[in-house]
């Protein structure tokens, strides 16, 4: 007489574990990519705040700015704001503010190009 066996064989359990492991690896990869994207977005947002702050400082100073590189702290991140006063396509003065991370000076995070008008 044959007895009916209940349960899973060792091969079936190993195959199920392999499928779960592959699925978990894919989920972890997607979480890592999403976290990296959020970090980049946060850095760009903070860099834009640095550029806007510098623009307001220059407007309130009511003096034409020169070329400069300035340190800006936002949160726990250090940025460098590079400012340049040139002329736009229409010949009017144009302020160019470019913000980079201090530890990655070749990658621009934010850039503002604005017509230059100092507050009276």
PDB file of N, CA and C in Angstrom:
ATOM      1  N   UNK A   1       0.802  -1.171   0.000  1.00  0.00           N
ATOM      2  CA  UNK A   1       0.000   0.000   0.000  1.00  0.00           C
ATOM      3  C   UNK A   1       0.863   1.261   0.000  1.00  0.00           C
ATOM      4  N   UNK A   2       0.452   2.221  -0.845  1.00  0.00           N
ATOM      5  CA  UNK A   2       1.183   3.477  -0.938  1.00  0.00           C
ATOM      6  C   UNK A   2       0.585   4.505  -0.002  1.00  0.00           C
ATOM      7  N   UNK A   3       1.460   5.214   0.657  1.00  0.00           N
ATOM      8  CA  UNK A   3       0.990   6.323   1.506  1.00  0.00           C
ATOM      9  C   UNK A   3       1.082   7.624   0.725  1.00  0.00           C
ATOM     10  N   UNK A   4       0.111   8.480   0.875  1.00  0.00           N
ATOM     11  CA  UNK A   4       0.165   9.791   0.229  1.00  0.00           C
ATOM     12  C   UNK A   4       1.013  10.706   1.089  1.00  0.00           C
ATOM     13  N   UNK A   5       1.934  11.414   0.426  1.00  0.00           N
ATOM     14  CA  UNK A   5       2.780  12.342   1.161  1.00  0.00           C
ATOM     15  C   UNK A   5       2.194  13.742   1.053  1.00  0.00           C
ATOM     16  N   UNK A   6       2.268  14.439   2.129  1.00  0.00           N
ATOM     17  CA  UNK A   6       1.786  15.816   2.172  1.00  0.00           C
ATOM     18  C   UNK A   6       2.979  16.735   2.382  1.00  0.00           C
ATOM     19  N   UNK A   7       2.925  17.928   1.775  1.00  0.00           N
ATOM     20  CA  UNK A   7       3.998  18.896   1.954  1.00  0.00           C
ATOM     21  C   UNK A   7       4.763  19.111   0.666  1.00  0.00           C
ATOM     22  N   UNK A   8       5.861  19.834   0.783  1.00  0.00           N
ATOM     23  CA  UNK A   8       6.674  20.189  -0.372  1.00  0.00           C
ATOM     24  C   UNK A   8       7.967  19.396  -0.368  1.00  0.00           C
ATOM     25  N   UNK A   9       8.483  19.156  -1.565  1.00  0.00           N
ATOM     26  CA  UNK A   9       9.780  18.505  -1.657  1.00  0.00           C
ATOM     27  C   UNK A   9      10.870  19.558  -1.498  1.00  0.00           C
ATOM     28  N   UNK A  10      12.074  19.103  -1.281  1.00  0.00           N
ATOM     29  CA  UNK A  10      13.203  20.011  -1.098  1.00  0.00           C
ATOM     30  C   UNK A  10      13.437  20.856  -2.343  1.00  0.00           C
ATOM     31  N   UNK A  11      13.284  20.311  -3.504  1.00  0.00           N
ATOM     32  CA  UNK A  11      13.472  21.055  -4.764  1.00  0.00           C
ATOM     33  C   UNK A  11      12.450  22.183  -4.864  1.00  0.00           C
ATOM     34  N   UNK A  12      11.202  21.889  -4.535  1.00  0.00           N
ATOM     35  CA  UNK A  12      10.159  22.923  -4.604  1.00  0.00           C
ATOM     36  C   UNK A  12      10.462  24.070  -3.637  1.00  0.00           C
ATOM     37  N   UNK A  13      10.943  23.764  -2.467  1.00  0.00           N
ATOM     38  CA  UNK A  13      11.285  24.796  -1.484  1.00  0.00           C
ATOM     39  C   UNK A  13      12.450  25.639  -1.998  1.00  0.00           C
ATOM     40  N   UNK A  14      13.465  25.014  -2.571  1.00  0.00           N
ATOM     41  CA  UNK A  14      14.619  25.760  -3.100  1.00  0.00           C
ATOM     42  C   UNK A  14      14.219  26.679  -4.254  1.00  0.00           C
ATOM     43  N   UNK A  15      13.355  26.201  -5.123  1.00  0.00           N
ATOM     44  CA  UNK A  15      12.888  27.034  -6.240  1.00  0.00           C
ATOM     45  C   UNK A  15      12.094  28.225  -5.715  1.00  0.00           C
ATOM     46  N   UNK A  16      11.239  27.993  -4.739  1.00  0.00           N
ATOM     47  CA  UNK A  16      10.462  29.089  -4.148  1.00  0.00           C
ATOM     48  C   UNK A  16      11.386  30.122  -3.494  1.00  0.00           C
ATOM     49  N   UNK A  17      12.421  29.658  -2.781  1.00  0.00           N
ATOM     50  CA  UNK A  17      13.369  30.578  -2.157  1.00  0.00           C
ATOM     51  C   UNK A  17      14.138  31.383  -3.198  1.00  0.00           C
ATOM     52  N   UNK A  18      14.502  30.768  -4.312  1.00  0.00           N
ATOM     53  CA  UNK A  18      15.208  31.479  -5.379  1.00  0.00           C
ATOM     54  C   UNK A  18      14.329  32.577  -5.972  1.00  0.00           C
ATOM     55  N   UNK A  19      13.064  32.275  -6.187  1.00  0.00           N
ATOM     56  CA  UNK A  19      12.133  33.279  -6.724  1.00  0.00           C
ATOM     57  C   UNK A  19      11.983  34.454  -5.752  1.00  0.00           C
ATOM     58  N   UNK A  20      11.836  34.159  -4.476  1.00  0.00           N
ATOM     59  CA  UNK A  20      11.713  35.219  -3.460  1.00  0.00           C
ATOM     60  C   UNK A  20      12.985  36.051  -3.399  1.00  0.00           C
ATOM     61  N   UNK A  21      14.151  35.420  -3.487  1.00  0.00           N
ATOM     62  CA  UNK A  21      15.418  36.151  -3.433  1.00  0.00           C
ATOM     63  C   UNK A  21      15.547  37.102  -4.620  1.00  0.00           C
ATOM     64  N   UNK A  22      15.171  36.668  -5.801  1.00  0.00           N
ATOM     65  CA  UNK A  22      15.242  37.528  -6.990  1.00  0.00           C
ATOM     66  C   UNK A  22      14.272  38.699  -6.858  1.00  0.00           C
ATOM     67  N   UNK A  23      13.079  38.434  -6.372  1.00  0.00           N
ATOM     68  CA  UNK A  23      12.098  39.509  -6.188  1.00  0.00           C
ATOM     69  C   UNK A  23      12.584  40.520  -5.157  1.00  0.00           C
ATOM     70  N   UNK A  24      13.160  40.068  -4.049  1.00  0.00           N
ATOM     71  CA  UNK A  24      13.669  40.984  -3.028  1.00  0.00           C
ATOM     72  C   UNK A  24      14.837  41.821  -3.547  1.00  0.00           C
ATOM     73  N   UNK A  25      15.697  41.223  -4.366  1.00  0.00           N
ATOM     74  CA  UNK A  25      16.818  41.976  -4.947  1.00  0.00           C
ATOM     75  C   UNK A  25      16.297  43.085  -5.854  1.00  0.00           C
ATOM     76  N   UNK A  26      15.263  42.801  -6.631  1.00  0.00           N
ATOM     77  CA  UNK A  26      14.687  43.819  -7.515  1.00  0.00           C
ATOM     78  C   UNK A  26      14.059  44.952  -6.711  1.00  0.00           C
ATOM     79  N   UNK A  27      13.371  44.614  -5.641  1.00  0.00           N
ATOM     80  CA  UNK A  27      12.750  45.636  -4.781  1.00  0.00           C
ATOM     81  C   UNK A  27      13.819  46.498  -4.128  1.00  0.00           C
ATOM     82  N   UNK A  28      14.883  45.887  -3.641  1.00  0.00           N
ATOM     83  CA  UNK A  28      15.954  46.656  -2.991  1.00  0.00           C
ATOM     84  C   UNK A  28      16.622  47.597  -3.987  1.00  0.00           C
ATOM     85  N   UNK A  29      16.802  47.153  -5.207  1.00  0.00           N
ATOM     86  CA  UNK A  29      17.404  48.009  -6.239  1.00  0.00           C
ATOM     87  C   UNK A  29      16.516  49.215  -6.526  1.00  0.00           C
ATOM     88  N   UNK A  30      15.222  48.995  -6.649  1.00  0.00           N
ATOM     89  CA  UNK A  30      14.314  50.110  -6.933  1.00  0.00           C
ATOM     90  C   UNK A  30      14.263  51.088  -5.762  1.00  0.00           C
ATOM     91  N   UNK A  31      14.352  50.602  -4.538  1.00  0.00           N
ATOM     92  CA  UNK A  31      14.388  51.491  -3.363  1.00  0.00           C
ATOM     93  C   UNK A  31      15.674  52.314  -3.368  1.00  0.00           C
ATOM     94  N   UNK A  32      16.786  51.705  -3.721  1.00  0.00           N
ATOM     95  CA  UNK A  32      18.064  52.426  -3.776  1.00  0.00           C
ATOM     96  C   UNK A  32      18.030  53.525  -4.832  1.00  0.00           C
ATOM     97  N   UNK A  33      17.463  53.235  -5.991  1.00  0.00           N
ATOM     98  CA  UNK A  33      17.366  54.235  -7.058  1.00  0.00           C
ATOM     99  C   UNK A  33      16.461  55.385  -6.626  1.00  0.00           C
ATOM    100  N   UNK A  34      15.334  55.075  -6.000  1.00  0.00           N
ATOM    101  CA  UNK A  34      14.418  56.120  -5.548  1.00  0.00           C
ATOM    102  C   UNK A  34      15.069  56.999  -4.485  1.00  0.00           C
ATOM    103  N   UNK A  35      15.829  56.400  -3.582  1.00  0.00           N
ATOM    104  CA  UNK A  35      16.514  57.171  -2.541  1.00  0.00           C
ATOM    105  C   UNK A  35      17.560  58.084  -3.156  1.00  0.00           C
ATOM    106  N   UNK A  36      18.294  57.587  -4.134  1.00  0.00           N
ATOM    107  CA  UNK A  36      19.314  58.396  -4.806  1.00  0.00           C
ATOM    108  C   UNK A  36      18.673  59.572  -5.537  1.00  0.00           C
ATOM    109  N   UNK A  37      17.547  59.336  -6.190  1.00  0.00           N
ATOM    110  CA  UNK A  37      16.838  60.416  -6.881  1.00  0.00           C
ATOM    111  C   UNK A  37      16.362  61.472  -5.896  1.00  0.00           C
ATOM    112  N   UNK A  38      15.874  61.060  -4.744  1.00  0.00           N
ATOM    113  CA  UNK A  38      15.416  62.016  -3.731  1.00  0.00           C
ATOM    114  C   UNK A  38      16.578  62.858  -3.205  1.00  0.00           C
ATOM    115  N   UNK A  39      17.748  62.258  -3.037  1.00  0.00           N
ATOM    116  CA  UNK A  39      18.921  63.002  -2.577  1.00  0.00           C
ATOM    117  C   UNK A  39      19.324  64.053  -3.595  1.00  0.00           C
ATOM    118  N   UNK A  40      19.320  63.679  -4.866  1.00  0.00           N
ATOM    119  CA  UNK A  40      19.663  64.639  -5.917  1.00  0.00           C
ATOM    120  C   UNK A  40      18.659  65.781  -5.973  1.00  0.00           C
ATOM    121  N   UNK A  41      17.393  65.465  -5.839  1.00  0.00           N
ATOM    122  CA  UNK A  41      16.351  66.484  -5.864  1.00  0.00           C
ATOM    123  C   UNK A  41      16.498  67.432  -4.676  1.00  0.00           C
ATOM    124  N   UNK A  42      16.797  66.885  -3.502  1.00  0.00           N
ATOM    125  CA  UNK A  42      17.009  67.723  -2.321  1.00  0.00           C
ATOM    126  C   UNK A  42      18.194  68.671  -2.524  1.00  0.00           C
ATOM    127  N   UNK A  43      19.295  68.143  -3.082  1.00  0.00           N
ATOM    128  CA  UNK A  43      20.468  68.982  -3.328  1.00  0.00           C
ATOM    129  C   UNK A  43      20.159  70.097  -4.313  1.00  0.00           C
ATOM    130  N   UNK A  44      19.400  69.808  -5.347  1.00  0.00           N
ATOM    131  CA  UNK A  44      19.037  70.848  -6.322  1.00  0.00           C
ATOM    132  C   UNK A  44      18.143  71.915  -5.695  1.00  0.00           C
ATOM    133  N   UNK A  45      17.236  71.488  -4.848  1.00  0.00           N
ATOM    134  CA  UNK A  45      16.349  72.441  -4.170  1.00  0.00           C
ATOM    135  C   UNK A  45      17.148  73.363  -3.256  1.00  0.00           C
ATOM    136  N   UNK A  46      18.081  72.792  -2.492  1.00  0.00           N
ATOM    137  CA  UNK A  46      18.914  73.596  -1.596  1.00  0.00           C
ATOM    138  C   UNK A  46      19.837  74.522  -2.384  1.00  0.00           C
ATOM    139  N   UNK A  47      20.356  74.055  -3.508  1.00  0.00           N
ATOM    140  CA  UNK A  47      21.209  74.894  -4.346  1.00  0.00           C
ATOM    141  C   UNK A  47      20.424  76.074  -4.909  1.00  0.00           C
ATOM    142  N   UNK A  48      19.189  75.847  -5.292  1.00  0.00           N
ATOM    143  CA  UNK A  48      18.354  76.936  -5.788  1.00  0.00           C
ATOM    144  C   UNK A  48      18.102  77.964  -4.685  1.00  0.00           C
ATOM    145  N   UNK A  49      17.929  77.509  -3.458  1.00  0.00           N
ATOM    146  CA  UNK A  49      17.781  78.448  -2.338  1.00  0.00           C
ATOM    147  C   UNK A  49      19.032  79.306  -2.171  1.00  0.00           C
ATOM    148  N   UNK A  50      20.208  78.713  -2.341  1.00  0.00           N
ATOM    149  CA  UNK A  50      21.465  79.476  -2.260  1.00  0.00           C
ATOM    150  C   UNK A  50      21.500  80.559  -3.329  1.00  0.00           C
ATOM    151  N   UNK A  51      21.131  80.204  -4.560  1.00  0.00           N
ATOM    152  CA  UNK A  51      21.150  81.175  -5.652  1.00  0.00           C
ATOM    153  C   UNK A  51      20.156  82.301  -5.403  1.00  0.00           C
ATOM    154  N   UNK A  52      18.966  81.963  -4.949  1.00  0.00           N
ATOM    155  CA  UNK A  52      17.958  82.983  -4.672  1.00  0.00           C
ATOM    156  C   UNK A  52      18.391  83.895  -3.526  1.00  0.00           C
ATOM    157  N   UNK A  53      18.979  83.325  -2.484  1.00  0.00           N
ATOM    158  CA  UNK A  53      19.469  84.134  -1.365  1.00  0.00           C
ATOM    159  C   UNK A  53      20.538  85.113  -1.820  1.00  0.00           C
ATOM    160  N   UNK A  54      21.470  84.623  -2.634  1.00  0.00           N
ATOM    161  CA  UNK A  54      22.545  85.495  -3.117  1.00  0.00           C
ATOM    162  C   UNK A  54      22.006  86.599  -4.005  1.00  0.00           C
ATOM    163  N   UNK A  55      21.027  86.279  -4.833  1.00  0.00           N
ATOM    164  CA  UNK A  55      20.414  87.289  -5.698  1.00  0.00           C
ATOM    165  C   UNK A  55      19.781  88.405  -4.860  1.00  0.00           C
ATOM    166  N   UNK A  56      19.062  88.023  -3.821  1.00  0.00           N
ATOM    167  CA  UNK A  56      18.433  89.032  -2.969  1.00  0.00           C
ATOM    168  C   UNK A  56      19.481  89.866  -2.221  1.00  0.00           C
ATOM    169  N   UNK A  57      20.554  89.227  -1.757  1.00  0.00           N
ATOM    170  CA  UNK A  57      21.626  89.973  -1.090  1.00  0.00           C
ATOM    171  C   UNK A  57      22.232  91.016  -2.017  1.00  0.00           C
ATOM    172  N   UNK A  58      22.483  90.634  -3.249  1.00  0.00           N
ATOM    173  CA  UNK A  58      23.070  91.564  -4.213  1.00  0.00           C
ATOM    174  C   UNK A  58      22.115  92.698  -4.563  1.00  0.00           C
ATOM    175  N   UNK A  59      20.848  92.401  -4.721  1.00  0.00           N
ATOM    176  CA  UNK A  59      19.862  93.448  -5.026  1.00  0.00           C
ATOM    177  C   UNK A  59      19.756  94.438  -3.879  1.00  0.00           C
ATOM    178  N   UNK A  60      19.772  93.933  -2.650  1.00  0.00           N
ATOM    179  CA  UNK A  60      19.654  94.827  -1.501  1.00  0.00           C
ATOM    180  C   UNK A  60      20.922  95.649  -1.276  1.00  0.00           C
ATOM    181  N   UNK A  61      22.072  95.148  -1.704  1.00  0.00           N
ATOM    182  CA  UNK A  61      23.324  95.891  -1.547  1.00  0.00           C
ATOM    183  C   UNK A  61      23.356  97.105  -2.472  1.00  0.00           C
ATOM    184  N   UNK A  62      22.593  97.095  -3.560  1.00  0.00           N
ATOM    185  CA  UNK A  62      22.465  98.206  -4.495  1.00  0.00           C
ATOM    186  C   UNK A  62      23.800  98.617  -5.110  1.00  0.00           C
ATOM    187  N   UNK A  63      24.696  97.671  -5.273  1.00  0.00           N
ATOM    188  CA  UNK A  63      25.972  97.923  -5.932  1.00  0.00           C
ATOM    189  C   UNK A  63      26.169  96.846  -6.987  1.00  0.00           C
ATOM    190  N   UNK A  64      26.777  97.205  -8.104  1.00  0.00           N
ATOM    191  CA  UNK A  64      27.012  96.170  -9.113  1.00  0.00           C
ATOM    192  C   UNK A  64      27.964  95.101  -8.578  1.00  0.00           C
ATOM    193  N   UNK A  65      27.619  93.848  -8.714  1.00  0.00           N
ATOM    194  CA  UNK A  65      28.481  92.785  -8.197  1.00  0.00           C
ATOM    195  C   UNK A  65      29.637  92.490  -9.152  1.00  0.00           C
ATOM    196  N   UNK A  66      30.702  92.004  -8.600  1.00  0.00           N
ATOM    197  CA  UNK A  66      31.816  91.537  -9.417  1.00  0.00           C
ATOM    198  C   UNK A  66      31.791  90.022  -9.491  1.00  0.00           C
ATOM    199  N   UNK A  67      32.762  89.460 -10.174  1.00  0.00           N
ATOM    200  CA  UNK A  67      32.873  88.008 -10.221  1.00  0.00           C
ATOM    201  C   UNK A  67      33.341  87.513  -8.855  1.00  0.00           C
ATOM    202  N   UNK A  68      32.695  86.472  -8.343  1.00  0.00           N
ATOM    203  CA  UNK A  68      33.052  85.953  -7.021  1.00  0.00           C
ATOM    204  C   UNK A  68      32.604  84.512  -6.887  1.00  0.00           C
ATOM    205  N   UNK A  69      33.220  83.838  -5.955  1.00  0.00           N
ATOM    206  CA  UNK A  69      32.821  82.490  -5.524  1.00  0.00           C
ATOM    207  C   UNK A  69      32.599  82.566  -4.031  1.00  0.00           C
ATOM    208  N   UNK A  70      31.404  82.212  -3.592  1.00  0.00           N
ATOM    209  CA  UNK A  70      31.043  82.337  -2.184  1.00  0.00           C
ATOM    210  C   UNK A  70      30.526  81.012  -1.641  1.00  0.00           C
ATOM    211  N   UNK A  71      30.794  80.777  -0.382  1.00  0.00           N
ATOM    212  CA  UNK A  71      30.310  79.565   0.293  1.00  0.00           C
ATOM    213  C   UNK A  71      28.885  79.798   0.780  1.00  0.00           C
ATOM    214  N   UNK A  72      28.051  78.806   0.618  1.00  0.00           N
ATOM    215  CA  UNK A  72      26.666  78.875   1.079  1.00  0.00           C
ATOM    216  C   UNK A  72      26.350  77.585   1.832  1.00  0.00           C
ATOM    217  N   UNK A  73      25.814  77.713   3.024  1.00  0.00           N
ATOM    218  CA  UNK A  73      25.417  76.552   3.819  1.00  0.00           C
ATOM    219  C   UNK A  73      23.896  76.446   3.819  1.00  0.00           C
ATOM    220  N   UNK A  74      23.401  75.312   3.407  1.00  0.00           N
ATOM    221  CA  UNK A  74      21.972  75.020   3.453  1.00  0.00           C
ATOM    222  C   UNK A  74      21.828  73.639   4.055  1.00  0.00           C
ATOM    223  N   UNK A  75      21.128  73.569   5.167  1.00  0.00           N
ATOM    224  CA  UNK A  75      21.021  72.289   5.858  1.00  0.00           C
ATOM    225  C   UNK A  75      22.409  71.888   6.328  1.00  0.00           C
ATOM    226  N   UNK A  76      22.812  70.678   6.015  1.00  0.00           N
ATOM    227  CA  UNK A  76      24.164  70.213   6.353  1.00  0.00           C
ATOM    228  C   UNK A  76      25.060  70.165   5.127  1.00  0.00           C
ATOM    229  N   UNK A  77      24.634  70.812   4.054  1.00  0.00           N
ATOM    230  CA  UNK A  77      25.364  70.748   2.796  1.00  0.00           C
ATOM    231  C   UNK A  77      26.043  72.075   2.507  1.00  0.00           C
ATOM    232  N   UNK A  78      27.269  71.987   1.981  1.00  0.00           N
ATOM    233  CA  UNK A  78      28.035  73.178   1.636  1.00  0.00           C
ATOM    234  C   UNK A  78      28.030  73.326   0.110  1.00  0.00           C
ATOM    235  N   UNK A  79      27.657  74.516  -0.339  1.00  0.00           N
ATOM    236  CA  UNK A  79      27.606  74.818  -1.760  1.00  0.00           C
ATOM    237  C   UNK A  79      28.527  75.984  -2.070  1.00  0.00           C
ATOM    238  N   UNK A  80      28.934  76.085  -3.312  1.00  0.00           N
ATOM    239  CA  UNK A  80      29.674  77.242  -3.798  1.00  0.00           C
ATOM    240  C   UNK A  80      28.790  77.973  -4.797  1.00  0.00           C
ATOM    241  N   UNK A  81      28.605  79.276  -4.560  1.00  0.00           N
ATOM    242  CA  UNK A  81      27.835  80.115  -5.471  1.00  0.00           C
ATOM    243  C   UNK A  81      28.828  80.916  -6.294  1.00  0.00           C
ATOM    244  N   UNK A  82      28.758  80.764  -7.601  1.00  0.00           N
ATOM    245  CA  UNK A  82      29.635  81.518  -8.502  1.00  0.00           C
ATOM    246  C   UNK A  82      28.798  82.593  -9.163  1.00  0.00           C
ATOM    247  N   UNK A  83      29.233  83.836  -9.016  1.00  0.00           N
ATOM    248  CA  UNK A  83      28.468  84.931  -9.590  1.00  0.00           C
ATOM    249  C   UNK A  83      29.299  85.630 -10.662  1.00  0.00           C
ATOM    250  N   UNK A  84      28.603  86.086 -11.709  1.00  0.00           N
ATOM    251  CA  UNK A  84      29.250  86.798 -12.804  1.00  0.00           C
ATOM    252  C   UNK A  84      28.258  87.801 -13.357  1.00  0.00           C
ATOM    253  N   UNK A  85      28.694  89.030 -13.511  1.00  0.00           N
ATOM    254  CA  UNK A  85      27.852  90.062 -14.114  1.00  0.00           C
ATOM    255  C   UNK A  85      28.345  90.295 -15.527  1.00  0.00           C
ATOM    256  N   UNK A  86      27.521  89.978 -16.483  1.00  0.00           N
ATOM    257  CA  UNK A  86      27.860  90.159 -17.888  1.00  0.00           C
ATOM    258  C   UNK A  86      26.735  90.897 -18.574  1.00  0.00           C
ATOM    259  N   UNK A  87      26.649  90.732 -19.871  1.00  0.00           N
ATOM    260  CA  UNK A  87      25.551  91.352 -20.601  1.00  0.00           C
ATOM    261  C   UNK A  87      24.775  90.263 -21.329  1.00  0.00           C
ATOM    262  N   UNK A  88      23.483  90.473 -21.389  1.00  0.00           N
ATOM    263  CA  UNK A  88      22.605  89.517 -22.052  1.00  0.00           C
ATOM    264  C   UNK A  88      22.588  89.727 -23.552  1.00  0.00           C
ATOM    265  N   UNK A  89      21.719  89.029 -24.235  1.00  0.00           N
ATOM    266  CA  UNK A  89      21.607  89.125 -25.686  1.00  0.00           C
ATOM    267  C   UNK A  89      21.161  90.517 -26.124  1.00  0.00           C
ATOM    268  N   UNK A  90      20.401  91.199 -25.275  1.00  0.00           N
ATOM    269  CA  UNK A  90      19.917  92.536 -25.609  1.00  0.00           C
ATOM    270  C   UNK A  90      20.883  93.643 -25.181  1.00  0.00           C
ATOM    271  N   UNK A  91      22.039  93.269 -24.656  1.00  0.00           N
ATOM    272  CA  UNK A  91      23.037  94.259 -24.246  1.00  0.00           C
ATOM    273  C   UNK A  91      22.848  94.794 -22.837  1.00  0.00           C
ATOM    274  N   UNK A  92      21.787  94.417 -22.176  1.00  0.00           N
ATOM    275  CA  UNK A  92      21.524  94.857 -20.806  1.00  0.00           C
ATOM    276  C   UNK A  92      22.349  94.019 -19.837  1.00  0.00           C
ATOM    277  N   UNK A  93      22.678  94.586 -18.663  1.00  0.00           N
ATOM    278  CA  UNK A  93      23.426  93.804 -17.675  1.00  0.00           C
ATOM    279  C   UNK A  93      22.642  92.559 -17.245  1.00  0.00           C
ATOM    280  N   UNK A  94      23.352  91.454 -17.135  1.00  0.00           N
ATOM    281  CA  UNK A  94      22.720  90.194 -16.735  1.00  0.00           C
ATOM    282  C   UNK A  94      23.575  89.517 -15.677  1.00  0.00           C
ATOM    283  N   UNK A  95      22.931  89.134 -14.596  1.00  0.00           N
ATOM    284  CA  UNK A  95      23.603  88.448 -13.499  1.00  0.00           C
ATOM    285  C   UNK A  95      23.469  86.946 -13.701  1.00  0.00           C
ATOM    286  N   UNK A  96      24.599  86.256 -13.622  1.00  0.00           N
ATOM    287  CA  UNK A  96      24.611  84.800 -13.765  1.00  0.00           C
ATOM    288  C   UNK A  96      25.066  84.203 -12.437  1.00  0.00           C
ATOM    289  N   UNK A  97      24.191  83.437 -11.799  1.00  0.00           N
ATOM    290  CA  UNK A  97      24.503  82.753 -10.548  1.00  0.00           C
ATOM    291  C   UNK A  97      24.463  81.252 -10.806  1.00  0.00           C
ATOM    292  N   UNK A  98      25.573  80.591 -10.532  1.00  0.00           N
ATOM    293  CA  UNK A  98      25.665  79.148 -10.714  1.00  0.00           C
ATOM    294  C   UNK A  98      26.061  78.522  -9.385  1.00  0.00           C
ATOM    295  N   UNK A  99      25.391  77.455  -9.000  1.00  0.00           N
ATOM    296  CA  UNK A  99      25.634  76.811  -7.706  1.00  0.00           C
ATOM    297  C   UNK A  99      26.102  75.381  -7.933  1.00  0.00           C
ATOM    298  N   UNK A 100      27.196  75.028  -7.257  1.00  0.00           N
ATOM    299  CA  UNK A 100      27.739  73.671  -7.314  1.00  0.00           C
ATOM    300  C   UNK A 100      27.943  73.182  -5.887  1.00  0.00           C
ATOM    301  N   UNK A 101      27.973  71.873  -5.725  1.00  0.00           N
ATOM    302  CA  UNK A 101      28.303  71.303  -4.420  1.00  0.00           C
ATOM    303  C   UNK A 101      29.796  71.502  -4.188  1.00  0.00           C
ATOM    304  N   UNK A 102      30.171  71.782  -2.959  1.00  0.00           N
ATOM    305  CA  UNK A 102      31.573  72.039  -2.658  1.00  0.00           C
ATOM    306  C   UNK A 102      32.449  70.821  -2.970  1.00  0.00           C
ATOM    307  N   UNK A 103      31.930  69.637  -2.744  1.00  0.00           N
ATOM    308  CA  UNK A 103      32.721  68.434  -2.978  1.00  0.00           C
ATOM    309  C   UNK A 103      32.639  67.915  -4.425  1.00  0.00           C
ATOM    310  N   UNK A 104      31.797  68.523  -5.258  1.00  0.00           N
ATOM    311  CA  UNK A 104      31.696  68.155  -6.681  1.00  0.00           C
ATOM    312  C   UNK A 104      31.567  69.428  -7.519  1.00  0.00           C
ATOM    313  N   UNK A 105      32.652  70.206  -7.652  1.00  0.00           N
ATOM    314  CA  UNK A 105      32.560  71.524  -8.284  1.00  0.00           C
ATOM    315  C   UNK A 105      32.314  71.515  -9.793  1.00  0.00           C
ATOM    316  N   UNK A 106      32.352  70.363 -10.431  1.00  0.00           N
ATOM    317  CA  UNK A 106      32.136  70.328 -11.882  1.00  0.00           C
ATOM    318  C   UNK A 106      30.671  70.142 -12.259  1.00  0.00           C
ATOM    319  N   UNK A 107      29.843  69.732 -11.307  1.00  0.00           N
ATOM    320  CA  UNK A 107      28.435  69.446 -11.603  1.00  0.00           C
ATOM    321  C   UNK A 107      27.560  70.589 -11.109  1.00  0.00           C
ATOM    322  N   UNK A 108      26.970  71.332 -12.038  1.00  0.00           N
ATOM    323  CA  UNK A 108      26.099  72.444 -11.681  1.00  0.00           C
ATOM    324  C   UNK A 108      24.758  71.920 -11.173  1.00  0.00           C
ATOM    325  N   UNK A 109      24.342  72.426 -10.021  1.00  0.00           N
ATOM    326  CA  UNK A 109      23.068  71.995  -9.433  1.00  0.00           C
ATOM    327  C   UNK A 109      21.944  72.983  -9.712  1.00  0.00           C
ATOM    328  N   UNK A 110      22.281  74.271  -9.787  1.00  0.00           N
ATOM    329  CA  UNK A 110      21.273  75.295 -10.057  1.00  0.00           C
ATOM    330  C   UNK A 110      21.943  76.460 -10.770  1.00  0.00           C
ATOM    331  N   UNK A 111      21.169  77.122 -11.621  1.00  0.00           N
ATOM    332  CA  UNK A 111      21.697  78.278 -12.330  1.00  0.00           C
ATOM    333  C   UNK A 111      20.580  79.277 -12.554  1.00  0.00           C
ATOM    334  N   UNK A 112      20.884  80.540 -12.216  1.00  0.00           N
ATOM    335  CA  UNK A 112      19.941  81.622 -12.454  1.00  0.00           C
ATOM    336  C   UNK A 112      20.610  82.637 -13.370  1.00  0.00           C
ATOM    337  N   UNK A 113      19.914  83.045 -14.396  1.00  0.00           N
ATOM    338  CA  UNK A 113      20.366  84.118 -15.270  1.00  0.00           C
ATOM    339  C   UNK A 113      19.276  85.168 -15.239  1.00  0.00           C
ATOM    340  N   UNK A 114      19.608  86.326 -14.635  1.00  0.00           N
ATOM    341  CA  UNK A 114      18.598  87.346 -14.397  1.00  0.00           C
ATOM    342  C   UNK A 114      19.088  88.699 -14.884  1.00  0.00           C
ATOM    343  N   UNK A 115      18.170  89.526 -15.375  1.00  0.00           N
ATOM    344  CA  UNK A 115      18.568  90.899 -15.701  1.00  0.00           C
ATOM    345  C   UNK A 115      18.993  91.603 -14.406  1.00  0.00           C
ATOM    346  N   UNK A 116      20.074  92.362 -14.477  1.00  0.00           N
ATOM    347  CA  UNK A 116      20.581  93.001 -13.261  1.00  0.00           C
ATOM    348  C   UNK A 116      19.950  94.363 -13.063  1.00  0.00           C
ATOM    349  N   UNK A 117      19.246  94.484 -11.961  1.00  0.00           N
ATOM    350  CA  UNK A 117      18.718  95.774 -11.527  1.00  0.00           C
ATOM    351  C   UNK A 117      18.866  95.813 -10.021  1.00  0.00           C
ATOM    352  N   UNK A 118      19.654  96.773  -9.547  1.00  0.00           N
ATOM    353  CA  UNK A 118      19.824  96.916  -8.097  1.00  0.00           C
ATOM    354  C   UNK A 118      18.633  97.689  -7.539  1.00  0.00           C
ATOM    355  N   UNK A 119      18.303  97.382  -6.308  1.00  0.00           N
ATOM    356  CA  UNK A 119      17.202  98.133  -5.663  1.00  0.00           C
ATOM    357  C   UNK A 119      17.692  99.535  -5.343  1.00  0.00           C
ATOM    358  N   UNK A 120      16.859 100.548  -5.549  1.00  0.00           N
ATOM    359  CA  UNK A 120      17.290 101.930  -5.278  1.00  0.00           C
ATOM    360  C   UNK A 120      17.428 102.196  -3.796  1.00  0.00           C
TER     361      UNK A 120
END
